[in-house]
Amino acid sequence: MDGPRQDPRGNLIRPYAVTRGRTEPVRDIAMEAVLVTTERGRQEAAFAGRDKQRIANLCEQPLSLAEIASHLRVALGVARVLVADMAIEGLLTLHETTVHDGYEERMELLERVLSGLRKL
């Protein structure tokens, strides 16, 4: 036997527990939006809670919202609520795609995000 068996349900946390019951972000963030930790985020994330600290650590390198959700193994909606809070608090810088992008540019961007997620 390889070791003690672990119940796979042991790692499940209800999404509303992570977001304190909220299901809607304070601002809408596209899944391809890129986030980067700010200087304030580096200094204060440790005091903002475990999930926000993990996001701040991940975003030392630019990551999309979709990639953050994947790394945290949470639903996109949960990541969106946490990330939106962090952006409002000044812990993350949000770089969104421009609204001038056409269909082809948005599809290309989504394909790059999907490719990055598959590499994880």
PDB file of N, CA and C in Angstrom:
ATOM      1  N   MET A   1       0.851  -1.182   0.000  1.00  0.00           N
ATOM      2  CA  MET A   1       0.000   0.000   0.000  1.00  0.00           C
ATOM      3  C   MET A   1       0.891   1.238   0.000  1.00  0.00           C
ATOM      4  N   ASP A   2       0.532   2.270  -0.733  1.00  0.00           N
ATOM      5  CA  ASP A   2       1.337   3.470  -0.911  1.00  0.00           C
ATOM      6  C   ASP A   2       1.268   4.445   0.255  1.00  0.00           C
ATOM      7  N   GLY A   3       0.433   4.317   1.174  1.00  0.00           N
ATOM      8  CA  GLY A   3       0.295   5.267   2.279  1.00  0.00           C
ATOM      9  C   GLY A   3      -1.160   5.395   2.662  1.00  0.00           C
ATOM     10  N   PRO A   4      -1.426   6.245   3.610  1.00  0.00           N
ATOM     11  CA  PRO A   4      -2.819   6.395   4.050  1.00  0.00           C
ATOM     12  C   PRO A   4      -3.690   6.958   2.945  1.00  0.00           C
ATOM     13  N   ARG A   5      -4.876   6.441   2.883  1.00  0.00           N
ATOM     14  CA  ARG A   5      -5.823   6.923   1.879  1.00  0.00           C
ATOM     15  C   ARG A   5      -6.365   8.278   2.314  1.00  0.00           C
ATOM     16  N   GLN A   6      -6.527   9.128   1.340  1.00  0.00           N
ATOM     17  CA  GLN A   6      -7.105  10.426   1.616  1.00  0.00           C
ATOM     18  C   GLN A   6      -8.450  10.524   0.944  1.00  0.00           C
ATOM     19  N   ASP A   7      -9.380  11.079   1.655  1.00  0.00           N
ATOM     20  CA  ASP A   7     -10.707  11.289   1.107  1.00  0.00           C
ATOM     21  C   ASP A   7     -10.644  12.478   0.151  1.00  0.00           C
ATOM     22  N   PRO A   8     -10.930  12.280  -1.149  1.00  0.00           N
ATOM     23  CA  PRO A   8     -10.843  13.388  -2.106  1.00  0.00           C
ATOM     24  C   PRO A   8     -11.807  14.521  -1.778  1.00  0.00           C
ATOM     25  N   ARG A   9     -12.833  14.244  -1.004  1.00  0.00           N
ATOM     26  CA  ARG A   9     -13.768  15.300  -0.624  1.00  0.00           C
ATOM     27  C   ARG A   9     -13.188  16.205   0.450  1.00  0.00           C
ATOM     28  N   GLY A  10     -12.083  15.801   1.071  1.00  0.00           N
ATOM     29  CA  GLY A  10     -11.477  16.582   2.136  1.00  0.00           C
ATOM     30  C   GLY A  10     -10.971  17.933   1.680  1.00  0.00           C
ATOM     31  N   ASN A  11     -10.644  18.080   0.410  1.00  0.00           N
ATOM     32  CA  ASN A  11     -10.133  19.343  -0.111  1.00  0.00           C
ATOM     33  C   ASN A  11     -11.220  20.271  -0.633  1.00  0.00           C
ATOM     34  N   LEU A  12     -12.456  19.815  -0.625  1.00  0.00           N
ATOM     35  CA  LEU A  12     -13.538  20.637  -1.155  1.00  0.00           C
ATOM     36  C   LEU A  12     -13.968  21.679  -0.135  1.00  0.00           C
ATOM     37  N   ILE A  13     -14.070  22.904  -0.598  1.00  0.00           N
ATOM     38  CA  ILE A  13     -14.581  23.993   0.227  1.00  0.00           C
ATOM     39  C   ILE A  13     -15.693  24.641  -0.567  1.00  0.00           C
ATOM     40  N   ARG A  14     -16.796  24.860   0.057  1.00  0.00           N
ATOM     41  CA  ARG A  14     -17.906  25.493  -0.627  1.00  0.00           C
ATOM     42  C   ARG A  14     -17.501  26.886  -1.086  1.00  0.00           C
ATOM     43  N   PRO A  15     -17.825  27.230  -2.332  1.00  0.00           N
ATOM     44  CA  PRO A  15     -17.425  28.543  -2.857  1.00  0.00           C
ATOM     45  C   PRO A  15     -17.877  29.713  -1.995  1.00  0.00           C
ATOM     46  N   TYR A  16     -19.089  29.637  -1.440  1.00  0.00           N
ATOM     47  CA  TYR A  16     -19.565  30.762  -0.637  1.00  0.00           C
ATOM     48  C   TYR A  16     -18.761  30.931   0.647  1.00  0.00           C
ATOM     49  N   ALA A  17     -18.088  29.888   1.098  1.00  0.00           N
ATOM     50  CA  ALA A  17     -17.241  30.012   2.283  1.00  0.00           C
ATOM     51  C   ALA A  17     -15.991  30.828   1.959  1.00  0.00           C
ATOM     52  N   VAL A  18     -15.457  30.654   0.766  1.00  0.00           N
ATOM     53  CA  VAL A  18     -14.257  31.385   0.349  1.00  0.00           C
ATOM     54  C   VAL A  18     -14.569  32.856   0.120  1.00  0.00           C
ATOM     55  N   THR A  19     -15.755  33.131  -0.413  1.00  0.00           N
ATOM     56  CA  THR A  19     -16.123  34.512  -0.759  1.00  0.00           C
ATOM     57  C   THR A  19     -17.019  35.160   0.294  1.00  0.00           C
ATOM     58  N   ARG A  20     -17.190  34.498   1.418  1.00  0.00           N
ATOM     59  CA  ARG A  20     -18.034  34.997   2.518  1.00  0.00           C
ATOM     60  C   ARG A  20     -19.476  35.241   2.070  1.00  0.00           C
ATOM     61  N   GLY A  21     -19.964  34.318   1.275  1.00  0.00           N
ATOM     62  CA  GLY A  21     -21.356  34.351   0.858  1.00  0.00           C
ATOM     63  C   GLY A  21     -21.648  35.154  -0.395  1.00  0.00           C
ATOM     64  N   ARG A  22     -20.657  35.859  -0.912  1.00  0.00           N
ATOM     65  CA  ARG A  22     -20.898  36.679  -2.108  1.00  0.00           C
ATOM     66  C   ARG A  22     -20.713  35.848  -3.366  1.00  0.00           C
ATOM     67  N   THR A  23     -21.575  36.100  -4.331  1.00  0.00           N
ATOM     68  CA  THR A  23     -21.473  35.391  -5.605  1.00  0.00           C
ATOM     69  C   THR A  23     -21.168  36.339  -6.746  1.00  0.00           C
ATOM     70  N   GLU A  24     -21.307  37.635  -6.532  1.00  0.00           N
ATOM     71  CA  GLU A  24     -21.049  38.624  -7.569  1.00  0.00           C
ATOM     72  C   GLU A  24     -19.852  39.483  -7.187  1.00  0.00           C
ATOM     73  N   PRO A  25     -18.934  39.713  -8.122  1.00  0.00           N
ATOM     74  CA  PRO A  25     -17.783  40.568  -7.832  1.00  0.00           C
ATOM     75  C   PRO A  25     -18.199  42.039  -7.751  1.00  0.00           C
ATOM     76  N   VAL A  26     -17.373  42.856  -7.069  1.00  0.00           N
ATOM     77  CA  VAL A  26     -17.666  44.287  -6.974  1.00  0.00           C
ATOM     78  C   VAL A  26     -17.463  44.983  -8.309  1.00  0.00           C
ATOM     79  N   ARG A  27     -16.730  44.356  -9.218  1.00  0.00           N
ATOM     80  CA  ARG A  27     -16.606  44.845 -10.590  1.00  0.00           C
ATOM     81  C   ARG A  27     -16.415  43.649 -11.498  1.00  0.00           C
ATOM     82  N   ASP A  28     -16.864  43.782 -12.719  1.00  0.00           N
ATOM     83  CA  ASP A  28     -16.765  42.686 -13.675  1.00  0.00           C
ATOM     84  C   ASP A  28     -15.334  42.610 -14.214  1.00  0.00           C
ATOM     85  N   ILE A  29     -14.780  41.424 -14.221  1.00  0.00           N
ATOM     86  CA  ILE A  29     -13.436  41.200 -14.742  1.00  0.00           C
ATOM     87  C   ILE A  29     -13.508  40.051 -15.742  1.00  0.00           C
ATOM     88  N   ALA A  30     -13.012  40.304 -16.946  1.00  0.00           N
ATOM     89  CA  ALA A  30     -13.006  39.273 -17.983  1.00  0.00           C
ATOM     90  C   ALA A  30     -12.035  38.164 -17.602  1.00  0.00           C
ATOM     91  N   MET A  31     -12.331  36.950 -18.039  1.00  0.00           N
ATOM     92  CA  MET A  31     -11.472  35.820 -17.669  1.00  0.00           C
ATOM     93  C   MET A  31     -10.075  35.931 -18.265  1.00  0.00           C
ATOM     94  N   GLU A  32      -9.926  36.707 -19.344  1.00  0.00           N
ATOM     95  CA  GLU A  32      -8.601  36.855 -19.950  1.00  0.00           C
ATOM     96  C   GLU A  32      -7.847  38.061 -19.409  1.00  0.00           C
ATOM     97  N   ALA A  33      -8.468  38.818 -18.507  1.00  0.00           N
ATOM     98  CA  ALA A  33      -7.797  39.979 -17.918  1.00  0.00           C
ATOM     99  C   ALA A  33      -6.528  39.525 -17.189  1.00  0.00           C
ATOM    100  N   VAL A  34      -5.479  40.304 -17.322  1.00  0.00           N
ATOM    101  CA  VAL A  34      -4.189  39.960 -16.714  1.00  0.00           C
ATOM    102  C   VAL A  34      -4.019  40.760 -15.431  1.00  0.00           C
ATOM    103  N   LEU A  35      -3.547  40.071 -14.394  1.00  0.00           N
ATOM    104  CA  LEU A  35      -3.379  40.698 -13.081  1.00  0.00           C
ATOM    105  C   LEU A  35      -1.941  40.583 -12.619  1.00  0.00           C
ATOM    106  N   VAL A  36      -1.481  41.624 -11.928  1.00  0.00           N
ATOM    107  CA  VAL A  36      -0.120  41.677 -11.412  1.00  0.00           C
ATOM    108  C   VAL A  36      -0.190  42.245  -9.998  1.00  0.00           C
ATOM    109  N   THR A  37       0.562  41.669  -9.091  1.00  0.00           N
ATOM    110  CA  THR A  37       0.608  42.149  -7.713  1.00  0.00           C
ATOM    111  C   THR A  37       1.275  43.512  -7.645  1.00  0.00           C
ATOM    112  N   THR A  38       0.671  44.417  -6.892  1.00  0.00           N
ATOM    113  CA  THR A  38       1.238  45.745  -6.686  1.00  0.00           C
ATOM    114  C   THR A  38       2.228  45.706  -5.522  1.00  0.00           C
ATOM    115  N   GLU A  39       2.945  46.786  -5.336  1.00  0.00           N
ATOM    116  CA  GLU A  39       3.844  46.887  -4.181  1.00  0.00           C
ATOM    117  C   GLU A  39       3.039  46.778  -2.884  1.00  0.00           C
ATOM    118  N   ARG A  40       1.905  47.439  -2.856  1.00  0.00           N
ATOM    119  CA  ARG A  40       1.031  47.344  -1.675  1.00  0.00           C
ATOM    120  C   ARG A  40       0.600  45.891  -1.455  1.00  0.00           C
ATOM    121  N   GLY A  41       0.292  45.194  -2.547  1.00  0.00           N
ATOM    122  CA  GLY A  41      -0.092  43.791  -2.445  1.00  0.00           C
ATOM    123  C   GLY A  41       1.018  42.933  -1.868  1.00  0.00           C
ATOM    124  N   ARG A  42       2.249  43.213  -2.250  1.00  0.00           N
ATOM    125  CA  ARG A  42       3.386  42.461  -1.701  1.00  0.00           C
ATOM    126  C   ARG A  42       3.499  42.669  -0.193  1.00  0.00           C
ATOM    127  N   GLN A  43       3.211  43.878   0.242  1.00  0.00           N
ATOM    128  CA  GLN A  43       3.367  44.213   1.658  1.00  0.00           C
ATOM    129  C   GLN A  43       2.179  43.764   2.508  1.00  0.00           C
ATOM    130  N   GLU A  44       0.964  43.841   1.958  1.00  0.00           N
ATOM    131  CA  GLU A  44      -0.231  43.641   2.775  1.00  0.00           C
ATOM    132  C   GLU A  44      -0.967  42.328   2.555  1.00  0.00           C
ATOM    133  N   ALA A  45      -0.639  41.585   1.521  1.00  0.00           N
ATOM    134  CA  ALA A  45      -1.396  40.367   1.209  1.00  0.00           C
ATOM    135  C   ALA A  45      -1.342  39.338   2.327  1.00  0.00           C
ATOM    136  N   ALA A  46      -0.245  39.286   3.047  1.00  0.00           N
ATOM    137  CA  ALA A  46      -0.125  38.321   4.141  1.00  0.00           C
ATOM    138  C   ALA A  46      -1.180  38.558   5.220  1.00  0.00           C
ATOM    139  N   PHE A  47      -1.693  39.775   5.299  1.00  0.00           N
ATOM    140  CA  PHE A  47      -2.690  40.121   6.311  1.00  0.00           C
ATOM    141  C   PHE A  47      -4.111  40.091   5.762  1.00  0.00           C
ATOM    142  N   ALA A  48      -4.255  39.767   4.491  1.00  0.00           N
ATOM    143  CA  ALA A  48      -5.562  39.801   3.830  1.00  0.00           C
ATOM    144  C   ALA A  48      -6.257  38.445   3.800  1.00  0.00           C
ATOM    145  N   GLY A  49      -5.630  37.421   4.302  1.00  0.00           N
ATOM    146  CA  GLY A  49      -6.214  36.088   4.289  1.00  0.00           C
ATOM    147  C   GLY A  49      -5.445  35.153   3.369  1.00  0.00           C
ATOM    148  N   ARG A  50      -5.596  33.863   3.626  1.00  0.00           N
ATOM    149  CA  ARG A  50      -4.831  32.843   2.908  1.00  0.00           C
ATOM    150  C   ARG A  50      -5.032  32.890   1.397  1.00  0.00           C
ATOM    151  N   ASP A  51      -6.275  32.978   0.956  1.00  0.00           N
ATOM    152  CA  ASP A  51      -6.545  32.954  -0.490  1.00  0.00           C
ATOM    153  C   ASP A  51      -5.968  34.186  -1.183  1.00  0.00           C
ATOM    154  N   LYS A  52      -6.139  35.337  -0.579  1.00  0.00           N
ATOM    155  CA  LYS A  52      -5.607  36.560  -1.182  1.00  0.00           C
ATOM    156  C   LYS A  52      -4.078  36.552  -1.177  1.00  0.00           C
ATOM    157  N   GLN A  53      -3.492  35.980  -0.152  1.00  0.00           N
ATOM    158  CA  GLN A  53      -2.034  35.875  -0.123  1.00  0.00           C
ATOM    159  C   GLN A  53      -1.549  34.948  -1.237  1.00  0.00           C
ATOM    160  N   ARG A  54      -2.247  33.849  -1.457  1.00  0.00           N
ATOM    161  CA  ARG A  54      -1.873  32.936  -2.545  1.00  0.00           C
ATOM    162  C   ARG A  54      -1.986  33.625  -3.899  1.00  0.00           C
ATOM    163  N   ILE A  55      -3.046  34.407  -4.089  1.00  0.00           N
ATOM    164  CA  ILE A  55      -3.226  35.120  -5.355  1.00  0.00           C
ATOM    165  C   ILE A  55      -2.108  36.134  -5.541  1.00  0.00           C
ATOM    166  N   ALA A  56      -1.789  36.877  -4.492  1.00  0.00           N
ATOM    167  CA  ALA A  56      -0.708  37.868  -4.586  1.00  0.00           C
ATOM    168  C   ALA A  56       0.613  37.192  -4.936  1.00  0.00           C
ATOM    169  N   ASN A  57       0.885  36.049  -4.346  1.00  0.00           N
ATOM    170  CA  ASN A  57       2.115  35.319  -4.664  1.00  0.00           C
ATOM    171  C   ASN A  57       2.115  34.839  -6.118  1.00  0.00           C
ATOM    172  N   LEU A  58       0.986  34.321  -6.569  1.00  0.00           N
ATOM    173  CA  LEU A  58       0.882  33.861  -7.955  1.00  0.00           C
ATOM    174  C   LEU A  58       1.084  35.007  -8.939  1.00  0.00           C
ATOM    175  N   CYS A  59       0.554  36.170  -8.613  1.00  0.00           N
ATOM    176  CA  CYS A  59       0.554  37.298  -9.549  1.00  0.00           C
ATOM    177  C   CYS A  59       1.831  38.126  -9.486  1.00  0.00           C
ATOM    178  N   GLU A  60       2.882  37.590  -8.860  1.00  0.00           N
ATOM    179  CA  GLU A  60       4.191  38.232  -8.983  1.00  0.00           C
ATOM    180  C   GLU A  60       4.588  38.226 -10.456  1.00  0.00           C
ATOM    181  N   GLN A  61       4.132  37.215 -11.166  1.00  0.00           N
ATOM    182  CA  GLN A  61       4.247  37.138 -12.622  1.00  0.00           C
ATOM    183  C   GLN A  61       2.841  37.353 -13.178  1.00  0.00           C
ATOM    184  N   PRO A  62       2.697  38.076 -14.269  1.00  0.00           N
ATOM    185  CA  PRO A  62       1.361  38.344 -14.811  1.00  0.00           C
ATOM    186  C   PRO A  62       0.598  37.046 -15.102  1.00  0.00           C
ATOM    187  N   LEU A  63      -0.645  37.006 -14.637  1.00  0.00           N
ATOM    188  CA  LEU A  63      -1.518  35.854 -14.863  1.00  0.00           C
ATOM    189  C   LEU A  63      -2.911  36.330 -15.215  1.00  0.00           C
ATOM    190  N   SER A  64      -3.596  35.552 -16.031  1.00  0.00           N
ATOM    191  CA  SER A  64      -4.992  35.863 -16.336  1.00  0.00           C
ATOM    192  C   SER A  64      -5.871  35.373 -15.195  1.00  0.00           C
ATOM    193  N   LEU A  65      -7.074  35.902 -15.146  1.00  0.00           N
ATOM    194  CA  LEU A  65      -8.040  35.462 -14.142  1.00  0.00           C
ATOM    195  C   LEU A  65      -8.278  33.957 -14.266  1.00  0.00           C
ATOM    196  N   ALA A  66      -8.373  33.460 -15.482  1.00  0.00           N
ATOM    197  CA  ALA A  66      -8.589  32.026 -15.701  1.00  0.00           C
ATOM    198  C   ALA A  66      -7.430  31.200 -15.145  1.00  0.00           C
ATOM    199  N   GLU A  67      -6.214  31.681 -15.319  1.00  0.00           N
ATOM    200  CA  GLU A  67      -5.052  30.957 -14.792  1.00  0.00           C
ATOM    201  C   GLU A  67      -5.042  30.955 -13.267  1.00  0.00           C
ATOM    202  N   ILE A  68      -5.431  32.072 -12.673  1.00  0.00           N
ATOM    203  CA  ILE A  68      -5.497  32.153 -11.213  1.00  0.00           C
ATOM    204  C   ILE A  68      -6.488  31.132 -10.681  1.00  0.00           C
ATOM    205  N   ALA A  69      -7.677  31.073 -11.279  1.00  0.00           N
ATOM    206  CA  ALA A  69      -8.689  30.102 -10.859  1.00  0.00           C
ATOM    207  C   ALA A  69      -8.153  28.679 -10.974  1.00  0.00           C
ATOM    208  N   SER A  70      -7.433  28.405 -12.046  1.00  0.00           N
ATOM    209  CA  SER A  70      -6.866  27.080 -12.250  1.00  0.00           C
ATOM    210  C   SER A  70      -5.815  26.749 -11.184  1.00  0.00           C
ATOM    211  N   HIS A  71      -4.923  27.678 -10.916  1.00  0.00           N
ATOM    212  CA  HIS A  71      -3.893  27.450  -9.894  1.00  0.00           C
ATOM    213  C   HIS A  71      -4.505  27.224  -8.514  1.00  0.00           C
ATOM    214  N   LEU A  72      -5.551  27.993  -8.200  1.00  0.00           N
ATOM    215  CA  LEU A  72      -6.194  27.868  -6.890  1.00  0.00           C
ATOM    216  C   LEU A  72      -7.151  26.683  -6.820  1.00  0.00           C
ATOM    217  N   ARG A  73      -7.479  26.136  -7.995  1.00  0.00           N
ATOM    218  CA  ARG A  73      -8.450  25.038  -8.087  1.00  0.00           C
ATOM    219  C   ARG A  73      -9.797  25.448  -7.515  1.00  0.00           C
ATOM    220  N   VAL A  74     -10.240  26.639  -7.942  1.00  0.00           N
ATOM    221  CA  VAL A  74     -11.552  27.134  -7.557  1.00  0.00           C
ATOM    222  C   VAL A  74     -12.323  27.507  -8.818  1.00  0.00           C
ATOM    223  N   ALA A  75     -13.611  27.649  -8.668  1.00  0.00           N
ATOM    224  CA  ALA A  75     -14.450  28.064  -9.795  1.00  0.00           C
ATOM    225  C   ALA A  75     -14.054  29.469 -10.237  1.00  0.00           C
ATOM    226  N   LEU A  76     -14.241  29.751 -11.513  1.00  0.00           N
ATOM    227  CA  LEU A  76     -13.910  31.057 -12.061  1.00  0.00           C
ATOM    228  C   LEU A  76     -14.645  32.171 -11.317  1.00  0.00           C
ATOM    229  N   GLY A  77     -15.884  31.945 -10.944  1.00  0.00           N
ATOM    230  CA  GLY A  77     -16.663  32.949 -10.216  1.00  0.00           C
ATOM    231  C   GLY A  77     -16.066  33.279  -8.862  1.00  0.00           C
ATOM    232  N   VAL A  78     -15.551  32.273  -8.180  1.00  0.00           N
ATOM    233  CA  VAL A  78     -14.907  32.488  -6.878  1.00  0.00           C
ATOM    234  C   VAL A  78     -13.647  33.327  -7.056  1.00  0.00           C
ATOM    235  N   ALA A  79     -12.825  32.954  -8.033  1.00  0.00           N
ATOM    236  CA  ALA A  79     -11.601  33.716  -8.300  1.00  0.00           C
ATOM    237  C   ALA A  79     -11.943  35.144  -8.691  1.00  0.00           C
ATOM    238  N   ARG A  80     -13.000  35.321  -9.468  1.00  0.00           N
ATOM    239  CA  ARG A  80     -13.401  36.659  -9.915  1.00  0.00           C
ATOM    240  C   ARG A  80     -13.768  37.549  -8.719  1.00  0.00           C
ATOM    241  N   VAL A  81     -14.487  37.004  -7.736  1.00  0.00           N
ATOM    242  CA  VAL A  81     -14.867  37.775  -6.546  1.00  0.00           C
ATOM    243  C   VAL A  81     -13.616  38.177  -5.769  1.00  0.00           C
ATOM    244  N   LEU A  82     -12.707  37.237  -5.530  1.00  0.00           N
ATOM    245  CA  LEU A  82     -11.494  37.523  -4.763  1.00  0.00           C
ATOM    246  C   LEU A  82     -10.598  38.531  -5.475  1.00  0.00           C
ATOM    247  N   VAL A  83     -10.402  38.327  -6.765  1.00  0.00           N
ATOM    248  CA  VAL A  83      -9.524  39.196  -7.547  1.00  0.00           C
ATOM    249  C   VAL A  83     -10.112  40.606  -7.648  1.00  0.00           C
ATOM    250  N   ALA A  84     -11.417  40.710  -7.840  1.00  0.00           N
ATOM    251  CA  ALA A  84     -12.055  42.029  -7.910  1.00  0.00           C
ATOM    252  C   ALA A  84     -11.859  42.778  -6.599  1.00  0.00           C
ATOM    253  N   ASP A  85     -12.027  42.087  -5.485  1.00  0.00           N
ATOM    254  CA  ASP A  85     -11.786  42.714  -4.178  1.00  0.00           C
ATOM    255  C   ASP A  85     -10.352  43.216  -4.081  1.00  0.00           C
ATOM    256  N   MET A  86      -9.417  42.378  -4.502  1.00  0.00           N
ATOM    257  CA  MET A  86      -7.996  42.737  -4.414  1.00  0.00           C
ATOM    258  C   MET A  86      -7.659  43.926  -5.305  1.00  0.00           C
ATOM    259  N   ALA A  87      -8.278  43.994  -6.473  1.00  0.00           N
ATOM    260  CA  ALA A  87      -8.037  45.128  -7.375  1.00  0.00           C
ATOM    261  C   ALA A  87      -8.572  46.413  -6.749  1.00  0.00           C
ATOM    262  N   ILE A  88      -9.748  46.353  -6.152  1.00  0.00           N
ATOM    263  CA  ILE A  88     -10.340  47.522  -5.498  1.00  0.00           C
ATOM    264  C   ILE A  88      -9.483  47.956  -4.307  1.00  0.00           C
ATOM    265  N   GLU A  89      -8.913  46.993  -3.584  1.00  0.00           N
ATOM    266  CA  GLU A  89      -8.085  47.285  -2.408  1.00  0.00           C
ATOM    267  C   GLU A  89      -6.678  47.748  -2.786  1.00  0.00           C
ATOM    268  N   GLY A  90      -6.346  47.710  -4.069  1.00  0.00           N
ATOM    269  CA  GLY A  90      -5.028  48.143  -4.514  1.00  0.00           C
ATOM    270  C   GLY A  90      -3.944  47.089  -4.360  1.00  0.00           C
ATOM    271  N   LEU A  91      -4.354  45.831  -4.169  1.00  0.00           N
ATOM    272  CA  LEU A  91      -3.388  44.746  -4.008  1.00  0.00           C
ATOM    273  C   LEU A  91      -2.952  44.169  -5.356  1.00  0.00           C
ATOM    274  N   LEU A  92      -3.784  44.352  -6.374  1.00  0.00           N
ATOM    275  CA  LEU A  92      -3.493  43.871  -7.725  1.00  0.00           C
ATOM    276  C   LEU A  92      -3.724  44.992  -8.729  1.00  0.00           C
ATOM    277  N   THR A  93      -2.933  44.971  -9.783  1.00  0.00           N
ATOM    278  CA  THR A  93      -3.172  45.842 -10.926  1.00  0.00           C
ATOM    279  C   THR A  93      -3.874  45.014 -11.986  1.00  0.00           C
ATOM    280  N   LEU A  94      -4.939  45.565 -12.534  1.00  0.00           N
ATOM    281  CA  LEU A  94      -5.750  44.869 -13.522  1.00  0.00           C
ATOM    282  C   LEU A  94      -5.453  45.434 -14.902  1.00  0.00           C
ATOM    283  N   HIS A  95      -5.089  44.552 -15.834  1.00  0.00           N
ATOM    284  CA  HIS A  95      -4.843  44.929 -17.223  1.00  0.00           C
ATOM    285  C   HIS A  95      -5.867  44.203 -18.074  1.00  0.00           C
ATOM    286  N   GLU A  96      -6.877  44.944 -18.509  1.00  0.00           N
ATOM    287  CA  GLU A  96      -7.938  44.335 -19.303  1.00  0.00           C
ATOM    288  C   GLU A  96      -7.675  44.536 -20.782  1.00  0.00           C
ATOM    289  N   THR A  97      -8.259  43.659 -21.575  1.00  0.00           N
ATOM    290  CA  THR A  97      -8.155  43.819 -23.023  1.00  0.00           C
ATOM    291  C   THR A  97      -8.972  45.032 -23.428  1.00  0.00           C
ATOM    292  N   THR A  98      -8.585  45.653 -24.492  1.00  0.00           N
ATOM    293  CA  THR A  98      -9.300  46.844 -24.938  1.00  0.00           C
ATOM    294  C   THR A  98     -10.616  46.454 -25.585  1.00  0.00           C
ATOM    295  N   VAL A  99     -11.569  47.347 -25.511  1.00  0.00           N
ATOM    296  CA  VAL A  99     -12.878  47.067 -26.105  1.00  0.00           C
ATOM    297  C   VAL A  99     -12.833  47.196 -27.620  1.00  0.00           C
ATOM    298  N   HIS A 100     -11.714  47.685 -28.160  1.00  0.00           N
ATOM    299  CA  HIS A 100     -11.588  47.852 -29.597  1.00  0.00           C
ATOM    300  C   HIS A 100     -11.196  46.549 -30.300  1.00  0.00           C
ATOM    301  N   ASP A 101     -10.833  45.550 -29.525  1.00  0.00           N
ATOM    302  CA  ASP A 101     -10.457  44.284 -30.140  1.00  0.00           C
ATOM    303  C   ASP A 101     -11.628  43.708 -30.917  1.00  0.00           C
ATOM    304  N   GLY A 102     -11.324  43.180 -32.075  1.00  0.00           N
ATOM    305  CA  GLY A 102     -12.343  42.543 -32.880  1.00  0.00           C
ATOM    306  C   GLY A 102     -12.502  41.087 -32.491  1.00  0.00           C
ATOM    307  N   TYR A 103     -13.390  40.424 -33.169  1.00  0.00           N
ATOM    308  CA  TYR A 103     -13.681  39.023 -32.889  1.00  0.00           C
ATOM    309  C   TYR A 103     -12.438  38.157 -33.006  1.00  0.00           C
ATOM    310  N   GLU A 104     -11.667  38.345 -34.081  1.00  0.00           N
ATOM    311  CA  GLU A 104     -10.470  37.508 -34.289  1.00  0.00           C
ATOM    312  C   GLU A 104      -9.448  37.703 -33.174  1.00  0.00           C
ATOM    313  N   GLU A 105      -9.249  38.960 -32.747  1.00  0.00           N
ATOM    314  CA  GLU A 105      -8.272  39.224 -31.687  1.00  0.00           C
ATOM    315  C   GLU A 105      -8.704  38.589 -30.366  1.00  0.00           C
ATOM    316  N   ARG A 106      -9.997  38.685 -30.068  1.00  0.00           N
ATOM    317  CA  ARG A 106     -10.493  38.090 -28.815  1.00  0.00           C
ATOM    318  C   ARG A 106     -10.391  36.566 -28.866  1.00  0.00           C
ATOM    319  N   MET A 107     -10.700  35.979 -30.011  1.00  0.00           N
ATOM    320  CA  MET A 107     -10.596  34.526 -30.137  1.00  0.00           C
ATOM    321  C   MET A 107      -9.141  34.077 -30.006  1.00  0.00           C
ATOM    322  N   GLU A 108      -8.236  34.826 -30.600  1.00  0.00           N
ATOM    323  CA  GLU A 108      -6.815  34.505 -30.488  1.00  0.00           C
ATOM    324  C   GLU A 108      -6.363  34.574 -29.031  1.00  0.00           C
ATOM    325  N   LEU A 109      -6.803  35.596 -28.322  1.00  0.00           N
ATOM    326  CA  LEU A 109      -6.456  35.735 -26.915  1.00  0.00           C
ATOM    327  C   LEU A 109      -7.018  34.581 -26.100  1.00  0.00           C
ATOM    328  N   LEU A 110      -8.269  34.239 -26.329  1.00  0.00           N
ATOM    329  CA  LEU A 110      -8.875  33.120 -25.612  1.00  0.00           C
ATOM    330  C   LEU A 110      -8.163  31.805 -25.913  1.00  0.00           C
ATOM    331  N   GLU A 111      -7.735  31.619 -27.152  1.00  0.00           N
ATOM    332  CA  GLU A 111      -6.990  30.412 -27.507  1.00  0.00           C
ATOM    333  C   GLU A 111      -5.652  30.368 -26.772  1.00  0.00           C
ATOM    334  N   ARG A 112      -4.990  31.519 -26.623  1.00  0.00           N
ATOM    335  CA  ARG A 112      -3.727  31.554 -25.875  1.00  0.00           C
ATOM    336  C   ARG A 112      -3.962  31.238 -24.398  1.00  0.00           C
ATOM    337  N   VAL A 113      -5.046  31.769 -23.826  1.00  0.00           N
ATOM    338  CA  VAL A 113      -5.372  31.462 -22.428  1.00  0.00           C
ATOM    339  C   VAL A 113      -5.654  29.975 -22.276  1.00  0.00           C
ATOM    340  N   LEU A 114      -6.433  29.416 -23.181  1.00  0.00           N
ATOM    341  CA  LEU A 114      -6.752  27.987 -23.131  1.00  0.00           C
ATOM    342  C   LEU A 114      -5.486  27.149 -23.268  1.00  0.00           C
ATOM    343  N   SER A 115      -4.606  27.536 -24.155  1.00  0.00           N
ATOM    344  CA  SER A 115      -3.335  26.822 -24.338  1.00  0.00           C
ATOM    345  C   SER A 115      -2.521  26.870 -23.041  1.00  0.00           C
ATOM    346  N   GLY A 116      -2.480  28.038 -22.416  1.00  0.00           N
ATOM    347  CA  GLY A 116      -1.748  28.161 -21.148  1.00  0.00           C
ATOM    348  C   GLY A 116      -2.354  27.295 -20.061  1.00  0.00           C
ATOM    349  N   LEU A 117      -3.663  27.228 -20.015  1.00  0.00           N
ATOM    350  CA  LEU A 117      -4.324  26.386 -19.012  1.00  0.00           C
ATOM    351  C   LEU A 117      -4.032  24.905 -19.246  1.00  0.00           C
ATOM    352  N   ARG A 118      -3.973  24.508 -20.511  1.00  0.00           N
ATOM    353  CA  ARG A 118      -3.678  23.102 -20.817  1.00  0.00           C
ATOM    354  C   ARG A 118      -2.258  22.732 -20.398  1.00  0.00           C
ATOM    355  N   LYS A 119      -1.342  23.700 -20.428  1.00  0.00           N
ATOM    356  CA  LYS A 119       0.038  23.432 -20.045  1.00  0.00           C
ATOM    357  C   LYS A 119       0.213  23.255 -18.546  1.00  0.00           C
ATOM    358  N   LEU A 120      -0.785  23.724 -17.774  1.00  0.00           N
ATOM    359  CA  LEU A 120      -0.716  23.589 -16.312  1.00  0.00           C
ATOM    360  C   LEU A 120      -0.858  22.186 -15.935  1.00  0.00           C
TER     361      LEU A 120
END
